[in-house]
Amino acid sequence: MIGALVAVIAGIVKETWDFCDGEQFDMKDLLADGTGAFAGM
C-alpha cells in the first residue's frame, strides 16, 4: 500500500511539475500511473 502511494504521488508530482512548466495536466497520464501502481501491487 505504501509502495502504491509512493507511485501515485510521484505521478501527481510529475504532472503538477509539467503543468507549472507550461504543459497540460494530463489526466490520462494519471490513469496510466494508477493502473501501473495497481499492476505493481
All heavy atoms as atom14 arrays in JSON, in Angstrom:
{
  "sequence": "MIGALVAVIAGIVKETWDFCDGEQFDMKDLLADGTGAFAGM",
  "atom14_mask": [
    [1, 1, 1, 1, 1, 1, 1, 1, 0, 0, 0, 0, 0, 0],
    [1, 1, 1, 1, 1, 1, 1, 1, 0, 0, 0, 0, 0, 0],
    [1, 1, 1, 1, 0, 0, 0, 0, 0, 0, 0, 0, 0, 0],
    [1, 1, 1, 1, 1, 0, 0, 0, 0, 0, 0, 0, 0, 0],
    [1, 1, 1, 1, 1, 1, 1, 1, 0, 0, 0, 0, 0, 0],
    [1, 1, 1, 1, 1, 1, 1, 0, 0, 0, 0, 0, 0, 0],
    [1, 1, 1, 1, 1, 0, 0, 0, 0, 0, 0, 0, 0, 0],
    [1, 1, 1, 1, 1, 1, 1, 0, 0, 0, 0, 0, 0, 0],
    [1, 1, 1, 1, 1, 1, 1, 1, 0, 0, 0, 0, 0, 0],
    [1, 1, 1, 1, 1, 0, 0, 0, 0, 0, 0, 0, 0, 0],
    [1, 1, 1, 1, 0, 0, 0, 0, 0, 0, 0, 0, 0, 0],
    [1, 1, 1, 1, 1, 1, 1, 1, 0, 0, 0, 0, 0, 0],
    [1, 1, 1, 1, 1, 1, 1, 0, 0, 0, 0, 0, 0, 0],
    [1, 1, 1, 1, 1, 1, 1, 1, 1, 0, 0, 0, 0, 0],
    [1, 1, 1, 1, 1, 1, 1, 1, 1, 0, 0, 0, 0, 0],
    [1, 1, 1, 1, 1, 1, 1, 0, 0, 0, 0, 0, 0, 0],
    [1, 1, 1, 1, 1, 1, 1, 1, 1, 1, 1, 1, 1, 1],
    [1, 1, 1, 1, 1, 1, 1, 1, 0, 0, 0, 0, 0, 0],
    [1, 1, 1, 1, 1, 1, 1, 1, 1, 1, 1, 0, 0, 0],
    [1, 1, 1, 1, 1, 1, 0, 0, 0, 0, 0, 0, 0, 0],
    [1, 1, 1, 1, 1, 1, 1, 1, 0, 0, 0, 0, 0, 0],
    [1, 1, 1, 1, 0, 0, 0, 0, 0, 0, 0, 0, 0, 0],
    [1, 1, 1, 1, 1, 1, 1, 1, 1, 0, 0, 0, 0, 0],
    [1, 1, 1, 1, 1, 1, 1, 1, 1, 0, 0, 0, 0, 0],
    [1, 1, 1, 1, 1, 1, 1, 1, 1, 1, 1, 0, 0, 0],
    [1, 1, 1, 1, 1, 1, 1, 1, 0, 0, 0, 0, 0, 0],
    [1, 1, 1, 1, 1, 1, 1, 1, 0, 0, 0, 0, 0, 0],
    [1, 1, 1, 1, 1, 1, 1, 1, 1, 0, 0, 0, 0, 0],
    [1, 1, 1, 1, 1, 1, 1, 1, 0, 0, 0, 0, 0, 0],
    [1, 1, 1, 1, 1, 1, 1, 1, 0, 0, 0, 0, 0, 0],
    [1, 1, 1, 1, 1, 1, 1, 1, 0, 0, 0, 0, 0, 0],
    [1, 1, 1, 1, 1, 0, 0, 0, 0, 0, 0, 0, 0, 0],
    [1, 1, 1, 1, 1, 1, 1, 1, 0, 0, 0, 0, 0, 0],
    [1, 1, 1, 1, 0, 0, 0, 0, 0, 0, 0, 0, 0, 0],
    [1, 1, 1, 1, 1, 1, 1, 0, 0, 0, 0, 0, 0, 0],
    [1, 1, 1, 1, 0, 0, 0, 0, 0, 0, 0, 0, 0, 0],
    [1, 1, 1, 1, 1, 0, 0, 0, 0, 0, 0, 0, 0, 0],
    [1, 1, 1, 1, 1, 1, 1, 1, 1, 1, 1, 0, 0, 0],
    [1, 1, 1, 1, 1, 0, 0, 0, 0, 0, 0, 0, 0, 0],
    [1, 1, 1, 1, 0, 0, 0, 0, 0, 0, 0, 0, 0, 0],
    [1, 1, 1, 1, 1, 1, 1, 1, 0, 0, 0, 0, 0, 0]
  ],
  "atom14_positions": [
    [[0.84, -1.21, 0.0], [0.0, 0.0, 0.0], [0.87, 1.26, 0.0], [0.58, 2.22, -0.72], [-0.93, 0.01, 1.21], [-1.97, -1.04, 1.18], [-3.1, -0.74, -0.19], [-4.34, -1.92, 0.17], [0.0, 0.0, 0.0], [0.0, 0.0, 0.0], [0.0, 0.0, 0.0], [0.0, 0.0, 0.0], [0.0, 0.0, 0.0], [0.0, 0.0, 0.0]],
    [[1.92, 1.24, 0.79], [2.84, 2.37, 0.83], [3.54, 2.52, -0.53], [3.7, 3.63, -1.04], [3.85, 2.22, 1.98], [3.12, 2.35, 3.32], [4.99, 3.24, 1.86], [3.95, 1.99, 4.53], [0.0, 0.0, 0.0], [0.0, 0.0, 0.0], [0.0, 0.0, 0.0], [0.0, 0.0, 0.0], [0.0, 0.0, 0.0], [0.0, 0.0, 0.0]],
    [[3.93, 1.4, -1.13], [4.56, 1.44, -2.45], [3.65, 2.04, -3.5], [4.07, 2.85, -4.33], [0.0, 0.0, 0.0], [0.0, 0.0, 0.0], [0.0, 0.0, 0.0], [0.0, 0.0, 0.0], [0.0, 0.0, 0.0], [0.0, 0.0, 0.0], [0.0, 0.0, 0.0], [0.0, 0.0, 0.0], [0.0, 0.0, 0.0], [0.0, 0.0, 0.0]],
    [[2.38, 1.66, -3.47], [1.41, 2.21, -4.43], [1.21, 3.7, -4.19], [1.12, 4.49, -5.15], [0.09, 1.47, -4.32], [0.0, 0.0, 0.0], [0.0, 0.0, 0.0], [0.0, 0.0, 0.0], [0.0, 0.0, 0.0], [0.0, 0.0, 0.0], [0.0, 0.0, 0.0], [0.0, 0.0, 0.0], [0.0, 0.0, 0.0], [0.0, 0.0, 0.0]],
    [[1.16, 4.09, -2.94], [1.01, 5.51, -2.61], [2.2, 6.31, -3.13], [2.03, 7.4, -3.69], [0.85, 5.67, -1.1], [0.53, 7.07, -0.59], [-0.8, 7.54, -1.13], [0.51, 7.07, 0.93], [0.0, 0.0, 0.0], [0.0, 0.0, 0.0], [0.0, 0.0, 0.0], [0.0, 0.0, 0.0], [0.0, 0.0, 0.0], [0.0, 0.0, 0.0]],
    [[3.41, 5.78, -2.96], [4.61, 6.44, -3.48], [4.51, 6.63, -4.99], [4.81, 7.7, -5.52], [5.88, 5.64, -3.1], [7.09, 6.11, -3.88], [6.14, 5.72, -1.61], [0.0, 0.0, 0.0], [0.0, 0.0, 0.0], [0.0, 0.0, 0.0], [0.0, 0.0, 0.0], [0.0, 0.0, 0.0], [0.0, 0.0, 0.0], [0.0, 0.0, 0.0]],
    [[4.09, 5.59, -5.69], [4.0, 5.65, -7.15], [2.97, 6.69, -7.6], [3.22, 7.49, -8.51], [3.65, 4.28, -7.71], [0.0, 0.0, 0.0], [0.0, 0.0, 0.0], [0.0, 0.0, 0.0], [0.0, 0.0, 0.0], [0.0, 0.0, 0.0], [0.0, 0.0, 0.0], [0.0, 0.0, 0.0], [0.0, 0.0, 0.0], [0.0, 0.0, 0.0]],
    [[1.8, 6.68, -6.97], [0.75, 7.63, -7.37], [1.15, 9.06, -7.04], [0.94, 9.97, -7.85], [-0.59, 7.24, -6.68], [-1.63, 8.34, -6.87], [-1.09, 5.92, -7.25], [0.0, 0.0, 0.0], [0.0, 0.0, 0.0], [0.0, 0.0, 0.0], [0.0, 0.0, 0.0], [0.0, 0.0, 0.0], [0.0, 0.0, 0.0], [0.0, 0.0, 0.0]],
    [[1.76, 9.28, -5.89], [2.22, 10.63, -5.55], [3.29, 11.09, -6.52], [3.28, 12.26, -6.96], [2.72, 10.69, -4.09], [1.52, 10.57, -3.14], [3.5, 11.97, -3.82], [1.91, 10.44, -1.68], [0.0, 0.0, 0.0], [0.0, 0.0, 0.0], [0.0, 0.0, 0.0], [0.0, 0.0, 0.0], [0.0, 0.0, 0.0], [0.0, 0.0, 0.0]],
    [[4.19, 10.21, -6.92], [5.21, 10.56, -7.91], [4.56, 10.98, -9.23], [4.98, 11.95, -9.87], [6.17, 9.4, -8.14], [0.0, 0.0, 0.0], [0.0, 0.0, 0.0], [0.0, 0.0, 0.0], [0.0, 0.0, 0.0], [0.0, 0.0, 0.0], [0.0, 0.0, 0.0], [0.0, 0.0, 0.0], [0.0, 0.0, 0.0], [0.0, 0.0, 0.0]],
    [[3.51, 10.27, -9.63], [2.8, 10.64, -10.86], [2.12, 11.99, -10.75], [2.16, 12.8, -11.69], [0.0, 0.0, 0.0], [0.0, 0.0, 0.0], [0.0, 0.0, 0.0], [0.0, 0.0, 0.0], [0.0, 0.0, 0.0], [0.0, 0.0, 0.0], [0.0, 0.0, 0.0], [0.0, 0.0, 0.0], [0.0, 0.0, 0.0], [0.0, 0.0, 0.0]],
    [[1.51, 12.27, -9.61], [0.85, 13.57, -9.4], [1.88, 14.69, -9.4], [1.67, 15.74, -10.01], [0.03, 13.55, -8.1], [-1.16, 12.61, -8.24], [-0.43, 14.96, -7.73], [-1.89, 12.32, -6.94], [0.0, 0.0, 0.0], [0.0, 0.0, 0.0], [0.0, 0.0, 0.0], [0.0, 0.0, 0.0], [0.0, 0.0, 0.0], [0.0, 0.0, 0.0]],
    [[3.0, 14.46, -8.73], [4.07, 15.47, -8.7], [4.6, 15.74, -10.11], [4.8, 16.89, -10.5], [5.21, 15.03, -7.75], [6.45, 15.9, -7.94], [4.74, 15.08, -6.31], [0.0, 0.0, 0.0], [0.0, 0.0, 0.0], [0.0, 0.0, 0.0], [0.0, 0.0, 0.0], [0.0, 0.0, 0.0], [0.0, 0.0, 0.0], [0.0, 0.0, 0.0]],
    [[4.77, 14.69, -10.89], [5.28, 14.85, -12.27], [4.3, 15.66, -13.11], [4.69, 16.55, -13.87], [5.53, 13.47, -12.89], [6.33, 13.52, -14.18], [5.43, 13.5, -15.35], [6.24, 13.47, -16.64], [5.5, 14.05, -17.74], [0.0, 0.0, 0.0], [0.0, 0.0, 0.0], [0.0, 0.0, 0.0], [0.0, 0.0, 0.0], [0.0, 0.0, 0.0]],
    [[3.02, 15.36, -13.0], [2.03, 16.1, -13.79], [1.91, 17.55, -13.31], [1.74, 18.45, -14.13], [0.66, 15.4, -13.71], [0.58, 14.15, -14.53], [0.99, 14.35, -15.97], [0.47, 15.25, -16.65], [1.86, 13.59, -16.44], [0.0, 0.0, 0.0], [0.0, 0.0, 0.0], [0.0, 0.0, 0.0], [0.0, 0.0, 0.0], [0.0, 0.0, 0.0]],
    [[2.02, 17.76, -12.02], [1.99, 19.13, -11.49], [3.21, 19.91, -11.97], [3.1, 21.08, -12.35], [1.94, 19.11, -9.95], [0.8, 18.34, -9.54], [1.85, 20.51, -9.38], [0.0, 0.0, 0.0], [0.0, 0.0, 0.0], [0.0, 0.0, 0.0], [0.0, 0.0, 0.0], [0.0, 0.0, 0.0], [0.0, 0.0, 0.0], [0.0, 0.0, 0.0]],
    [[4.35, 19.25, -11.99], [5.58, 19.87, -12.49], [5.4, 20.26, -13.96], [5.77, 21.36, -14.37], [6.75, 18.9, -12.34], [8.07, 19.47, -12.73], [8.58, 19.56, -14.01], [9.05, 20.05, -11.88], [9.81, 20.14, -13.99], [10.12, 20.46, -12.69], [9.11, 20.25, -10.51], [11.25, 21.05, -12.15], [10.24, 20.85, -10.0], [11.29, 21.25, -10.82]],
    [[4.85, 19.37, -14.75], [4.59, 19.66, -16.17], [3.66, 20.85, -16.32], [3.88, 21.73, -17.16], [3.98, 18.45, -16.88], [4.97, 17.34, -17.13], [6.19, 17.57, -16.97], [4.53, 16.23, -17.5], [0.0, 0.0, 0.0], [0.0, 0.0, 0.0], [0.0, 0.0, 0.0], [0.0, 0.0, 0.0], [0.0, 0.0, 0.0], [0.0, 0.0, 0.0]],
    [[2.61, 20.89, -15.49], [1.65, 21.98, -15.55], [2.31, 23.32, -15.21], [2.08, 24.32, -15.88], [0.48, 21.71, -14.6], [-0.57, 22.77, -14.62], [-1.44, 22.88, -15.69], [-0.69, 23.67, -13.57], [-2.41, 23.86, -15.72], [-1.65, 24.65, -13.58], [-2.52, 24.75, -14.66], [0.0, 0.0, 0.0], [0.0, 0.0, 0.0], [0.0, 0.0, 0.0]],
    [[3.15, 23.32, -14.19], [3.86, 24.55, -13.8], [4.88, 24.95, -14.85], [5.27, 26.12, -14.91], [4.53, 24.36, -12.45], [3.37, 24.22, -11.08], [0.0, 0.0, 0.0], [0.0, 0.0, 0.0], [0.0, 0.0, 0.0], [0.0, 0.0, 0.0], [0.0, 0.0, 0.0], [0.0, 0.0, 0.0], [0.0, 0.0, 0.0], [0.0, 0.0, 0.0]],
    [[5.3, 23.99, -15.66], [6.27, 24.25, -16.72], [5.59, 24.67, -18.03], [6.25, 24.8, -19.05], [7.1, 22.98, -16.96], [8.52, 23.28, -17.34], [9.01, 24.38, -17.05], [9.15, 22.38, -17.96], [0.0, 0.0, 0.0], [0.0, 0.0, 0.0], [0.0, 0.0, 0.0], [0.0, 0.0, 0.0], [0.0, 0.0, 0.0], [0.0, 0.0, 0.0]],
    [[4.27, 24.87, -17.99], [3.54, 25.36, -19.15], [2.88, 24.28, -19.99], [2.26, 24.58, -21.01], [0.0, 0.0, 0.0], [0.0, 0.0, 0.0], [0.0, 0.0, 0.0], [0.0, 0.0, 0.0], [0.0, 0.0, 0.0], [0.0, 0.0, 0.0], [0.0, 0.0, 0.0], [0.0, 0.0, 0.0], [0.0, 0.0, 0.0], [0.0, 0.0, 0.0]],
    [[3.0, 23.03, -19.59], [2.36, 21.95, -20.33], [0.98, 21.67, -19.74], [0.61, 22.21, -18.7], [3.21, 20.68, -20.28], [4.56, 20.83, -20.95], [5.4, 19.57, -20.87], [4.8, 18.47, -20.85], [6.62, 19.69, -20.82], [0.0, 0.0, 0.0], [0.0, 0.0, 0.0], [0.0, 0.0, 0.0], [0.0, 0.0, 0.0], [0.0, 0.0, 0.0]],
    [[0.23, 20.81, -20.4], [-1.11, 20.48, -19.95], [-1.07, 19.39, -18.88], [-0.28, 18.46, -18.97], [-1.95, 19.99, -21.13], [-3.39, 19.72, -20.78], [-4.21, 19.34, -22.0], [-3.73, 19.43, -23.12], [-5.42, 18.93, -21.77], [0.0, 0.0, 0.0], [0.0, 0.0, 0.0], [0.0, 0.0, 0.0], [0.0, 0.0, 0.0], [0.0, 0.0, 0.0]],
    [[-1.9, 19.52, -17.87], [-2.06, 18.49, -16.84], [-2.87, 17.37, -17.45], [-4.04, 17.54, -17.78], [-2.77, 19.08, -15.62], [-2.73, 18.2, -14.4], [-1.72, 18.35, -13.48], [-3.7, 17.23, -14.19], [-1.68, 17.56, -12.34], [-3.66, 16.43, -13.06], [-2.65, 16.59, -12.14], [0.0, 0.0, 0.0], [0.0, 0.0, 0.0], [0.0, 0.0, 0.0]],
    [[-2.27, 16.2, -17.65], [-2.9, 15.12, -18.4], [-3.47, 14.06, -17.45], [-2.74, 13.31, -16.82], [-1.87, 14.49, -19.34], [-2.49, 13.55, -20.36], [-3.7, 13.28, -20.26], [-1.75, 13.07, -21.24], [0.0, 0.0, 0.0], [0.0, 0.0, 0.0], [0.0, 0.0, 0.0], [0.0, 0.0, 0.0], [0.0, 0.0, 0.0], [0.0, 0.0, 0.0]],
    [[-4.79, 14.0, -17.38], [-5.45, 13.03, -16.53], [-5.22, 11.6, -17.02], [-5.23, 10.66, -16.24], [-6.95, 13.33, -16.45], [-7.27, 14.6, -15.68], [-6.69, 14.57, -13.97], [-7.75, 13.34, -13.27], [0.0, 0.0, 0.0], [0.0, 0.0, 0.0], [0.0, 0.0, 0.0], [0.0, 0.0, 0.0], [0.0, 0.0, 0.0], [0.0, 0.0, 0.0]],
    [[-5.0, 11.43, -18.33], [-4.75, 10.09, -18.86], [-3.4, 9.57, -18.37], [-3.24, 8.36, -18.18], [-4.82, 10.1, -20.38], [-6.22, 10.3, -20.9], [-6.26, 10.29, -22.41], [-7.68, 10.55, -22.88], [-7.75, 10.61, -24.34], [0.0, 0.0, 0.0], [0.0, 0.0, 0.0], [0.0, 0.0, 0.0], [0.0, 0.0, 0.0], [0.0, 0.0, 0.0]],
    [[-2.44, 10.46, -18.18], [-1.17, 10.05, -17.59], [-1.39, 9.55, -16.15], [-0.79, 8.56, -15.73], [-0.16, 11.2, -17.58], [0.46, 11.46, -18.94], [0.26, 10.63, -19.86], [1.14, 12.49, -19.09], [0.0, 0.0, 0.0], [0.0, 0.0, 0.0], [0.0, 0.0, 0.0], [0.0, 0.0, 0.0], [0.0, 0.0, 0.0], [0.0, 0.0, 0.0]],
    [[-2.24, 10.24, -15.41], [-2.54, 9.81, -14.04], [-3.26, 8.47, -14.03], [-3.03, 7.64, -13.15], [-3.37, 10.86, -13.31], [-2.65, 12.16, -12.97], [-3.59, 13.11, -12.24], [-1.42, 11.9, -12.13], [0.0, 0.0, 0.0], [0.0, 0.0, 0.0], [0.0, 0.0, 0.0], [0.0, 0.0, 0.0], [0.0, 0.0, 0.0], [0.0, 0.0, 0.0]],
    [[-4.12, 8.25, -15.03], [-4.78, 6.95, -15.13], [-3.77, 5.85, -15.41], [-3.85, 4.76, -14.82], [-5.85, 7.0, -16.23], [-6.67, 5.73, -16.42], [-7.41, 5.36, -15.13], [-7.67, 5.93, -17.55], [0.0, 0.0, 0.0], [0.0, 0.0, 0.0], [0.0, 0.0, 0.0], [0.0, 0.0, 0.0], [0.0, 0.0, 0.0], [0.0, 0.0, 0.0]],
    [[-2.8, 6.12, -16.27], [-1.73, 5.15, -16.54], [-0.9, 4.92, -15.28], [-0.49, 3.78, -15.0], [-0.85, 5.63, -17.69], [0.0, 0.0, 0.0], [0.0, 0.0, 0.0], [0.0, 0.0, 0.0], [0.0, 0.0, 0.0], [0.0, 0.0, 0.0], [0.0, 0.0, 0.0], [0.0, 0.0, 0.0], [0.0, 0.0, 0.0], [0.0, 0.0, 0.0]],
    [[-0.65, 5.98, -14.51], [0.07, 5.84, -13.25], [-0.69, 4.94, -12.28], [-0.12, 4.05, -11.65], [0.29, 7.21, -12.59], [1.25, 8.09, -13.36], [2.1, 7.56, -14.1], [1.14, 9.33, -13.22], [0.0, 0.0, 0.0], [0.0, 0.0, 0.0], [0.0, 0.0, 0.0], [0.0, 0.0, 0.0], [0.0, 0.0, 0.0], [0.0, 0.0, 0.0]],
    [[-1.97, 5.19, -12.13], [-2.79, 4.38, -11.23], [-2.88, 2.93, -11.66], [-2.81, 2.02, -10.83], [0.0, 0.0, 0.0], [0.0, 0.0, 0.0], [0.0, 0.0, 0.0], [0.0, 0.0, 0.0], [0.0, 0.0, 0.0], [0.0, 0.0, 0.0], [0.0, 0.0, 0.0], [0.0, 0.0, 0.0], [0.0, 0.0, 0.0], [0.0, 0.0, 0.0]],
    [[-2.99, 2.72, -12.96], [-3.03, 1.35, -13.48], [-1.7, 0.65, -13.24], [-1.66, -0.52, -12.85], [-3.36, 1.37, -14.98], [-4.55, 2.13, -15.19], [-3.56, -0.03, -15.52], [0.0, 0.0, 0.0], [0.0, 0.0, 0.0], [0.0, 0.0, 0.0], [0.0, 0.0, 0.0], [0.0, 0.0, 0.0], [0.0, 0.0, 0.0], [0.0, 0.0, 0.0]],
    [[-0.6, 1.37, -13.45], [0.72, 0.81, -13.18], [0.92, 0.51, -11.71], [1.52, -0.5, -11.35], [0.0, 0.0, 0.0], [0.0, 0.0, 0.0], [0.0, 0.0, 0.0], [0.0, 0.0, 0.0], [0.0, 0.0, 0.0], [0.0, 0.0, 0.0], [0.0, 0.0, 0.0], [0.0, 0.0, 0.0], [0.0, 0.0, 0.0], [0.0, 0.0, 0.0]],
    [[0.42, 1.39, -10.86], [0.53, 1.16, -9.42], [-0.24, -0.1, -9.01], [0.24, -0.9, -8.22], [0.02, 2.37, -8.65], [0.0, 0.0, 0.0], [0.0, 0.0, 0.0], [0.0, 0.0, 0.0], [0.0, 0.0, 0.0], [0.0, 0.0, 0.0], [0.0, 0.0, 0.0], [0.0, 0.0, 0.0], [0.0, 0.0, 0.0], [0.0, 0.0, 0.0]],
    [[-1.42, -0.28, -9.58], [-2.22, -1.47, -9.27], [-1.52, -2.73, -9.76], [-1.44, -3.73, -9.03], [-3.62, -1.34, -9.89], [-4.52, -2.48, -9.54], [-5.04, -2.6, -8.26], [-4.86, -3.43, -10.49], [-5.87, -3.65, -7.92], [-5.69, -4.48, -10.17], [-6.2, -4.59, -8.88], [0.0, 0.0, 0.0], [0.0, 0.0, 0.0], [0.0, 0.0, 0.0]],
    [[-1.0, -2.69, -10.98], [-0.26, -3.84, -11.51], [0.97, -4.12, -10.67], [1.32, -5.27, -10.4], [0.12, -3.59, -12.97], [0.0, 0.0, 0.0], [0.0, 0.0, 0.0], [0.0, 0.0, 0.0], [0.0, 0.0, 0.0], [0.0, 0.0, 0.0], [0.0, 0.0, 0.0], [0.0, 0.0, 0.0], [0.0, 0.0, 0.0], [0.0, 0.0, 0.0]],
    [[1.63, -3.06, -10.22], [2.8, -3.22, -9.36], [2.44, -3.85, -8.02], [3.2, -4.66, -7.48], [0.0, 0.0, 0.0], [0.0, 0.0, 0.0], [0.0, 0.0, 0.0], [0.0, 0.0, 0.0], [0.0, 0.0, 0.0], [0.0, 0.0, 0.0], [0.0, 0.0, 0.0], [0.0, 0.0, 0.0], [0.0, 0.0, 0.0], [0.0, 0.0, 0.0]],
    [[1.28, -3.51, -7.49], [0.82, -4.11, -6.24], [0.64, -5.61, -6.41], [1.08, -6.4, -5.56], [-0.5, -3.46, -5.8], [-0.37, -2.04, -5.33], [-1.98, -1.27, -5.06], [-2.52, -2.14, -3.59], [0.0, 0.0, 0.0], [0.0, 0.0, 0.0], [0.0, 0.0, 0.0], [0.0, 0.0, 0.0], [0.0, 0.0, 0.0], [0.0, 0.0, 0.0]]
  ]
}
